[in-house]
């Protein structure tokens, strides 16, 4: 039976999550040089309209349709045939099936926008569009089915991912690392000044992400209930803890950085995502704080080995999501969510192994599949703009506009 309160909350949460995609554009846009701000925002905005159509046509059914050997959904909901105003008890018994569909669409939309950070300032817009459509179909949709789909093989193993730490952040982060190795470094990397051009824009993006994340995690309860409130509270707590720790680290090394605090908050949000429906606020402080340490020093390492994964989607989303997923295996409590499981601290060491295995499988699949997709696109149409186009900047060379 449809519950109007649950339906209203899920629709509000959907709007919040959809807002996160242009927020990623602002967050990333402020980090690039002035000549490529519009290009960066445009790629994130394009993910919004491109995946919205892909999800309706076939993405949703591949992720949530009738399972085929636990690996992929069938085509029974192709074009959303059979997905209507009545609830689907397998996924959400108190809201229309269409409400669940559009909520999940928002997750599918934001995930490829996170990968944009890997190839800003040097990718062809046409190559980006092709990559995004293929990646969503070959990487995101199957992994979503494995973890969230009825019959999915990782779900059947007992893997927990409340709001997408594995499905969204691990896939995006490890895919970002993969495509960065294929597309190569920006011209002048390590020599030219590549400092962020607009830190207030970064902060705006971070604030909008923090705001939208309440729908991301709280909405994943799929009901207006106590679990949604719990997820809401731990989301805010983890973000605050990570921002505080990141600020402290940057202060120890130099000065308390505005860019660092914004980045730290996002890392905390990433890390709490898989755990948000299973852990307490005190656990959230640990999860967010440790995530900041991991991601901070992963960025330091990335810079030391001179990999131009430009805006650190791997360090922030890949590693933050991986830690959050594994931490779920440590801190999860059935007292928070009876549909979950107890973790290591409550006497169930098996969960941490399940979570670790899920992270490793998802990371490996995402990385290898993305390498193949990127290499094929590079061979067929080329990933990079020309040297002159890169020097001019992607705003002018790809869109004939400038800020």
Protein backbone atom coordinates (compact mmCIF):
# COMPACT_ATOMS: atom_id res chain seq x y z
CA UNK A 1 0.00 0.00 0.00
CA UNK A 2 1.29 3.45 -0.92
CA UNK A 3 2.28 5.67 1.98
CA UNK A 4 2.05 9.35 1.06
CA UNK A 5 4.68 10.43 3.57
CA UNK A 6 7.17 7.87 2.29
CA UNK A 7 6.47 8.86 -1.28
CA UNK A 8 6.91 12.56 -0.53
CA UNK A 9 10.23 11.93 1.23
CA UNK A 10 11.59 9.81 -1.62
CA UNK A 11 10.58 12.41 -4.22
CA UNK A 12 12.22 15.19 -2.18
CA UNK A 13 15.31 13.03 -1.76
CA UNK A 14 15.38 12.40 -5.51
CA UNK A 15 15.40 16.13 -6.17
CA UNK A 16 18.22 16.55 -3.64
CA UNK A 17 20.32 13.85 -5.31
CA UNK A 18 19.72 15.26 -8.80
CA UNK A 19 20.98 18.62 -7.50
CA UNK A 20 24.26 16.88 -6.63
CA UNK A 21 25.24 16.42 -10.28
CA UNK A 22 25.48 20.14 -11.14
CA UNK A 23 27.01 20.55 -7.65
CA UNK A 24 29.81 18.23 -8.75
CA UNK A 25 30.21 20.51 -11.77
CA UNK A 26 30.70 23.55 -9.53
CA UNK A 27 32.98 21.61 -7.16
CA UNK A 28 35.19 20.43 -10.02
CA UNK A 29 34.78 23.59 -12.09
CA UNK A 30 36.37 25.75 -9.43
CA UNK A 31 39.38 23.42 -9.26
CA UNK A 32 40.39 23.71 -12.92
CA UNK A 33 42.01 26.62 -14.72
CA UNK A 34 39.77 29.44 -15.88
CA UNK A 35 39.95 28.36 -19.52
CA UNK A 36 38.15 25.06 -18.80
CA UNK A 37 35.59 25.93 -16.11
CA UNK A 38 32.59 25.81 -18.48
CA UNK A 39 33.77 22.57 -20.07
CA UNK A 40 33.97 20.91 -16.66
CA UNK A 41 30.50 22.08 -15.64
CA UNK A 42 29.13 21.08 -19.05
CA UNK A 43 30.36 17.49 -18.72
CA UNK A 44 28.61 17.08 -15.37
CA UNK A 45 25.45 18.68 -16.72
CA UNK A 46 25.59 16.41 -19.76
CA UNK A 47 25.68 13.36 -17.49
CA UNK A 48 22.36 14.55 -16.08
CA UNK A 49 20.49 14.57 -19.37
CA UNK A 50 22.33 11.68 -21.04
CA UNK A 51 21.90 9.13 -18.23
CA UNK A 52 18.33 10.28 -17.58
CA UNK A 53 17.44 8.93 -21.03
CA UNK A 54 19.67 5.84 -20.82
CA UNK A 55 18.10 4.87 -17.48
CA UNK A 56 14.54 5.08 -18.82
CA UNK A 57 15.33 3.19 -22.02
CA UNK A 58 17.36 0.28 -20.63
CA UNK A 59 19.59 1.22 -17.67
CA UNK A 60 16.95 0.61 -15.00
CA UNK A 61 16.00 -2.81 -16.26
CA UNK A 62 19.66 -3.87 -16.53
CA UNK A 63 20.16 -2.85 -12.90
CA UNK A 64 16.90 -3.96 -11.31
CA UNK A 65 15.15 -6.26 -13.79
CA UNK A 66 14.75 -10.01 -13.34
CA UNK A 67 18.18 -11.39 -12.51
CA UNK A 68 20.19 -13.48 -14.94
CA UNK A 69 22.60 -15.64 -12.92
CA UNK A 70 23.01 -12.78 -10.44
CA UNK A 71 25.06 -10.82 -12.99
CA UNK A 72 22.66 -8.55 -14.86
CA UNK A 73 19.00 -7.63 -14.89
CA UNK A 74 16.78 -8.81 -17.70
CA UNK A 75 14.89 -6.70 -20.22
CA UNK A 76 11.48 -7.13 -18.62
CA UNK A 77 11.32 -3.41 -17.77
CA UNK A 78 12.78 -2.15 -21.06
CA UNK A 79 11.50 1.37 -21.64
CA UNK A 80 9.92 1.17 -18.16
CA UNK A 81 7.20 -1.15 -19.42
CA UNK A 82 5.47 -2.48 -16.32
CA UNK A 83 7.03 0.14 -14.02
CA UNK A 84 4.09 2.21 -12.88
CA UNK A 85 2.29 3.80 -9.98
CA UNK A 86 1.80 0.59 -8.02
CA UNK A 87 4.58 -0.39 -5.56
CA UNK A 88 7.07 -3.15 -6.24
CA UNK A 89 7.35 -5.01 -2.93
CA UNK A 90 10.76 -6.43 -3.85
CA UNK A 91 12.32 -2.96 -3.64
CA UNK A 92 9.99 -0.55 -1.84
CA UNK A 93 6.55 -1.64 -0.69
CA UNK A 94 5.14 1.77 0.27
CA UNK A 95 6.03 3.97 -2.72
CA UNK A 96 5.18 3.76 -6.43
CA UNK A 97 7.61 1.73 -8.51
CA UNK A 98 8.19 4.86 -10.59
CA UNK A 99 9.33 6.72 -7.47
CA UNK A 100 11.91 4.02 -6.74
CA UNK A 101 12.99 4.12 -10.38
CA UNK A 102 13.58 7.86 -10.49
CA UNK A 103 15.37 7.83 -7.11
CA UNK A 104 17.75 5.21 -8.47
CA UNK A 105 18.11 7.23 -11.68
CA UNK A 106 19.59 10.08 -9.65
CA UNK A 107 22.35 7.74 -8.41
CA UNK A 108 23.06 6.48 -11.91
CA UNK A 109 23.30 10.10 -13.10
CA UNK A 110 25.71 11.41 -10.48
CA UNK A 111 28.15 8.48 -10.65
CA UNK A 112 29.72 9.17 -14.09
CA UNK A 113 29.96 12.87 -13.24
CA UNK A 114 32.41 11.94 -10.48
CA UNK A 115 34.78 10.45 -13.07
CA UNK A 116 35.00 13.84 -14.81
CA UNK A 117 37.71 14.83 -12.32
CA UNK A 118 40.10 12.34 -13.94
CA UNK A 119 40.24 13.89 -17.41
CA UNK A 120 39.32 17.58 -17.11
CA UNK A 121 41.05 20.08 -19.40
CA UNK A 122 41.99 17.54 -22.08
CA UNK A 123 39.12 15.26 -23.17
CA UNK A 124 37.03 15.70 -26.32
CA UNK A 125 33.40 16.40 -25.47
CA UNK A 126 32.30 13.81 -28.03
CA UNK A 127 34.57 11.21 -26.43
CA UNK A 128 33.17 12.09 -23.01
CA UNK A 129 29.59 11.53 -24.18
CA UNK A 130 30.46 8.19 -25.75
CA UNK A 131 32.44 7.08 -22.70
CA UNK A 132 29.67 8.05 -20.28
CA UNK A 133 26.96 6.16 -22.15
CA UNK A 134 29.05 3.02 -22.54
CA UNK A 135 30.45 3.14 -19.00
CA UNK A 136 27.02 3.46 -17.41
CA UNK A 137 25.80 0.43 -19.36
CA UNK A 138 28.83 -1.83 -18.95
CA UNK A 139 30.06 -0.86 -15.47
CA UNK A 140 27.44 0.94 -13.39
CA UNK A 141 24.32 -1.03 -14.31
CA UNK A 142 25.83 -4.49 -13.70
CA UNK A 143 27.45 -3.50 -10.39
CA UNK A 144 24.18 -1.92 -9.22
CA UNK A 145 22.51 -5.25 -9.99
CA UNK A 146 25.18 -7.27 -8.17
CA UNK A 147 24.81 -5.24 -4.97
CA UNK A 148 21.22 -3.96 -4.98
CA UNK A 149 19.24 -6.04 -7.45
CA UNK A 150 17.06 -8.91 -6.24
CA UNK A 151 19.11 -11.99 -7.11
CA UNK A 152 22.36 -10.02 -7.45
CA UNK A 153 25.28 -12.24 -6.49
CA UNK A 154 26.96 -9.85 -4.05
CA UNK A 155 23.64 -9.05 -2.42
CA UNK A 156 23.07 -12.80 -2.00
CA UNK A 157 26.47 -13.04 -0.26
CA UNK A 158 25.29 -10.50 2.31
CA UNK A 159 27.13 -7.41 1.05
CA UNK A 160 25.83 -4.20 2.63
CA UNK A 161 25.78 -0.89 0.76
CA UNK A 162 23.08 1.37 2.11
CA UNK A 163 23.44 4.25 -0.35
CA UNK A 164 26.22 3.53 -2.82
CA UNK A 165 29.69 3.45 -1.29
CA UNK A 166 30.55 0.52 -3.51
CA UNK A 167 28.07 0.97 -6.35
CA UNK A 168 28.71 4.70 -6.79
CA UNK A 169 32.03 5.70 -5.26
CA UNK A 170 34.25 2.64 -5.70
CA UNK A 171 33.16 2.23 -9.32
CA UNK A 172 33.70 5.93 -10.10
CA UNK A 173 36.98 6.26 -8.20
CA UNK A 174 38.75 3.24 -9.64
CA UNK A 175 37.39 4.02 -13.11
CA UNK A 176 38.80 7.53 -12.78
CA UNK A 177 42.25 6.11 -12.06
CA UNK A 178 41.96 3.79 -15.07
CA UNK A 179 40.96 6.41 -17.63
CA UNK A 180 43.60 8.83 -16.30
CA UNK A 181 46.27 6.29 -17.21
CA UNK A 182 44.90 6.03 -20.76
CA UNK A 183 44.35 9.70 -21.51
CA UNK A 184 47.68 10.83 -20.04
CA UNK A 185 48.80 13.97 -18.26
CA UNK A 186 47.76 17.51 -19.06
CA UNK A 187 50.27 19.51 -21.06
CA UNK A 188 52.61 21.28 -18.68
CA UNK A 189 51.72 19.03 -15.75
CA UNK A 190 54.32 19.50 -13.05
CA UNK A 191 55.64 22.66 -14.74
CA UNK A 192 52.79 25.08 -15.38
CA UNK A 193 50.62 26.68 -12.70
CA UNK A 194 47.54 24.49 -12.36
CA UNK A 195 46.16 25.95 -9.14
CA UNK A 196 42.36 26.10 -8.72
CA UNK A 197 40.91 29.15 -10.43
CA UNK A 198 37.84 29.72 -8.24
CA UNK A 199 37.84 28.33 -4.71
CA UNK A 200 34.50 29.99 -3.79
CA UNK A 201 32.95 27.94 -6.63
CA UNK A 202 34.49 24.81 -5.08
CA UNK A 203 32.96 25.69 -1.70
CA UNK A 204 29.57 26.31 -3.32
CA UNK A 205 29.75 22.88 -4.92
CA UNK A 206 30.76 21.26 -1.63
CA UNK A 207 27.92 22.93 0.27
CA UNK A 208 25.39 21.83 -2.35
CA UNK A 209 26.82 18.30 -2.21
CA UNK A 210 26.52 18.25 1.58
CA UNK A 211 22.91 19.45 1.23
CA UNK A 212 22.07 16.92 -1.47
CA UNK A 213 23.69 14.07 0.44
CA UNK A 214 20.89 14.15 2.99
CA UNK A 215 18.67 12.86 0.19
CA UNK A 216 21.39 10.51 -1.04
CA UNK A 217 21.65 8.72 2.30
CA UNK A 218 18.45 9.62 4.13
CA UNK A 219 16.35 8.86 1.07
CA UNK A 220 17.89 5.40 0.80
CA UNK A 221 15.69 4.34 3.72
CA UNK A 222 12.92 4.60 1.09
CA UNK A 223 10.56 5.71 3.84
CA UNK A 224 9.99 8.67 6.15
CA UNK A 225 10.96 6.77 9.27
CA UNK A 226 13.52 6.47 12.05
CA UNK A 227 16.09 4.86 9.79
CA UNK A 228 15.97 7.89 7.48
CA UNK A 229 16.57 10.14 10.49
CA UNK A 230 19.49 7.98 11.64
CA UNK A 231 21.06 8.09 8.17
CA UNK A 232 20.54 11.85 8.05
CA UNK A 233 22.31 12.37 11.39
CA UNK A 234 25.33 10.16 10.66
CA UNK A 235 25.73 11.79 7.26
CA UNK A 236 26.14 15.22 8.81
CA UNK A 237 28.37 13.84 11.57
CA UNK A 238 30.81 12.06 9.27
CA UNK A 239 31.11 15.08 6.97
CA UNK A 240 31.87 17.32 9.93
CA UNK A 241 34.45 14.91 11.35
CA UNK A 242 36.25 14.57 8.04
CA UNK A 243 36.30 18.34 7.44
CA UNK A 244 37.75 18.85 10.93
CA UNK A 245 40.46 16.23 10.47
CA UNK A 246 41.36 17.49 6.98
CA UNK A 247 41.65 21.02 8.29
CA UNK A 248 43.94 19.79 11.06
CA UNK A 249 46.15 17.87 8.63
CA UNK A 250 46.49 20.82 6.27
CA UNK A 251 47.26 23.08 9.24
CA UNK A 252 49.98 20.71 10.44
CA UNK A 253 51.57 20.66 7.00
CA UNK A 254 51.09 24.32 6.13
CA UNK A 255 47.89 26.34 6.68
CA UNK A 256 44.20 25.46 7.28
CA UNK A 257 43.02 25.34 3.68
CA UNK A 258 39.56 26.36 2.48
CA UNK A 259 39.91 23.98 -0.47
CA UNK A 260 41.01 21.28 1.95
CA UNK A 261 38.03 21.71 4.26
CA UNK A 262 35.64 21.51 1.29
CA UNK A 263 37.39 18.39 0.01
CA UNK A 264 37.45 16.83 3.47
CA UNK A 265 33.72 17.31 3.93
CA UNK A 266 33.03 15.54 0.64
CA UNK A 267 35.35 12.68 1.60
CA UNK A 268 33.42 12.23 4.85
CA UNK A 269 30.16 12.16 2.92
CA UNK A 270 31.59 9.54 0.57
CA UNK A 271 32.82 7.31 3.39
CA UNK A 272 29.59 7.32 5.39
CA UNK A 273 27.46 6.53 2.33
CA UNK A 274 27.61 2.70 2.46
CA UNK A 275 27.38 2.67 6.27
CA UNK A 276 24.77 5.37 6.75
CA UNK A 277 21.87 3.00 7.35
CA UNK A 278 23.78 0.69 9.66
CA UNK A 279 25.96 2.70 12.10
CA UNK A 280 25.69 5.09 15.06
CA UNK A 281 26.79 8.75 15.19
CA UNK A 282 29.88 7.83 17.24
CA UNK A 283 30.89 5.31 14.58
CA UNK A 284 30.30 7.99 11.95
CA UNK A 285 32.89 10.23 13.62
CA UNK A 286 35.50 7.48 13.29
CA UNK A 287 34.49 6.63 9.72
CA UNK A 288 34.67 10.27 8.60
CA UNK A 289 37.88 11.06 10.46
CA UNK A 290 39.77 8.02 9.20
CA UNK A 291 38.52 8.66 5.65
CA UNK A 292 40.07 12.13 5.73
CA UNK A 293 43.44 10.69 6.76
CA UNK A 294 43.35 8.01 4.05
CA UNK A 295 42.33 10.35 1.26
CA UNK A 296 44.67 13.16 2.32
CA UNK A 297 47.74 10.99 2.18
CA UNK A 298 46.56 9.19 -0.95
CA UNK A 299 46.60 12.60 -2.66
CA UNK A 300 50.10 13.19 -1.33
CA UNK A 301 51.15 9.82 -2.76
CA UNK A 302 49.45 10.48 -6.11
CA UNK A 303 51.31 13.76 -6.44
CA UNK A 304 54.61 12.11 -5.49
CA UNK A 305 54.30 9.48 -8.23
CA UNK A 306 53.10 12.18 -10.68
CA UNK A 307 49.87 10.59 -11.84
CA UNK A 308 47.61 13.29 -13.29
CA UNK A 309 44.31 11.99 -11.98
CA UNK A 310 43.57 15.64 -11.95
CA UNK A 311 40.94 16.29 -9.27
CA UNK A 312 41.54 13.19 -7.16
CA UNK A 313 38.35 11.25 -7.77
CA UNK A 314 40.33 8.10 -6.96
CA UNK A 315 41.72 9.36 -3.65
CA UNK A 316 38.43 10.90 -2.53
CA UNK A 317 35.75 8.64 -3.99
CA UNK A 318 37.58 5.41 -4.72
CA UNK A 319 39.50 5.20 -1.45
CA UNK A 320 36.84 6.97 0.61
CA UNK A 321 34.17 4.61 -0.69
CA UNK A 322 36.38 1.57 -0.18
CA UNK A 323 37.12 2.54 3.43
CA UNK A 324 33.45 3.28 4.11
CA UNK A 325 32.37 -0.07 2.72
CA UNK A 326 34.96 -1.95 4.77
CA UNK A 327 34.12 0.15 7.84
CA UNK A 328 30.52 -0.97 7.47
CA UNK A 329 31.83 -4.46 8.16
CA UNK A 330 33.40 -3.16 11.37
CA UNK A 331 30.71 -0.88 12.81
CA UNK A 332 27.37 -2.14 11.43
CA UNK A 333 24.71 -2.86 14.04
CA UNK A 334 21.36 -4.62 13.74
CA UNK A 335 20.17 -2.33 16.54
CA UNK A 336 20.35 0.49 13.99
CA UNK A 337 18.86 -1.51 11.13
CA UNK A 338 17.39 -4.95 11.69
CA UNK A 339 17.57 -5.63 7.94
CA UNK A 340 21.36 -5.27 8.04
CA UNK A 341 23.87 -7.25 10.08
CA UNK A 342 26.19 -6.88 13.03
CA UNK A 343 29.80 -6.10 12.18
CA UNK A 344 33.16 -7.04 13.60
CA UNK A 345 32.77 -5.02 16.82
CA UNK A 346 29.54 -6.86 17.60
CA UNK A 347 31.00 -10.31 17.11
CA UNK A 348 30.57 -10.91 13.38
CA UNK A 349 34.01 -10.88 11.69
CA UNK A 350 32.51 -12.51 8.59
CA UNK A 351 30.90 -9.24 7.54
CA UNK A 352 34.21 -7.42 7.19
CA UNK A 353 35.45 -10.15 4.85
CA UNK A 354 32.27 -9.92 2.78
CA UNK A 355 32.64 -6.14 2.57
CA UNK A 356 36.32 -6.33 1.68
CA UNK A 357 35.66 -8.93 -1.02
CA UNK A 358 32.88 -6.75 -2.45
CA UNK A 359 35.22 -3.76 -2.63
CA UNK A 360 38.01 -5.75 -4.28
CA UNK A 361 35.73 -7.31 -6.90
CA UNK A 362 34.04 -4.00 -7.70
CA UNK A 363 37.33 -2.09 -7.87
CA UNK A 364 38.98 -4.66 -10.12
CA UNK A 365 35.99 -4.93 -12.46
CA UNK A 366 35.57 -1.15 -12.70
CA UNK A 367 39.27 -0.55 -13.33
CA UNK A 368 39.70 -3.23 -16.01
CA UNK A 369 36.41 -2.51 -17.78
CA UNK A 370 37.19 1.21 -17.88
CA UNK A 371 40.67 0.58 -19.28
CA UNK A 372 39.10 -1.39 -22.12
CA UNK A 373 36.33 1.15 -22.79
CA UNK A 374 38.76 4.08 -22.78
CA UNK A 375 41.28 2.31 -24.99
CA UNK A 376 38.64 1.39 -27.58
CA UNK A 377 37.27 4.93 -27.68
CA UNK A 378 40.79 6.29 -27.99
CA UNK A 379 41.45 4.00 -30.96
CA UNK A 380 38.14 4.79 -32.66
CA UNK A 381 37.67 8.56 -32.25
CA UNK A 382 40.47 9.63 -29.88
CA UNK A 383 40.04 10.70 -26.27
CA UNK A 384 42.11 13.88 -26.26
CA UNK A 385 41.71 17.22 -27.91
CA UNK A 386 44.63 18.46 -30.02
CA UNK A 387 47.58 20.18 -28.39
CA UNK A 388 46.47 23.59 -29.61
CA UNK A 389 42.92 23.03 -28.39
CA UNK A 390 44.24 22.10 -24.96
CA UNK A 391 46.41 25.20 -24.80
CA UNK A 392 43.48 27.43 -25.76
CA UNK A 393 41.28 25.70 -23.22
CA UNK A 394 38.26 23.46 -23.60
CA UNK A 395 35.74 26.26 -23.05
CA UNK A 396 36.71 27.85 -26.35
CA UNK A 397 37.83 24.79 -28.30
CA UNK A 398 34.90 22.52 -27.39
CA UNK A 399 32.05 24.95 -26.71
CA UNK A 400 33.05 28.33 -28.23
CA UNK A 401 32.28 30.05 -24.93
CA UNK A 402 34.22 31.55 -22.04
CA UNK A 403 33.50 32.73 -18.53
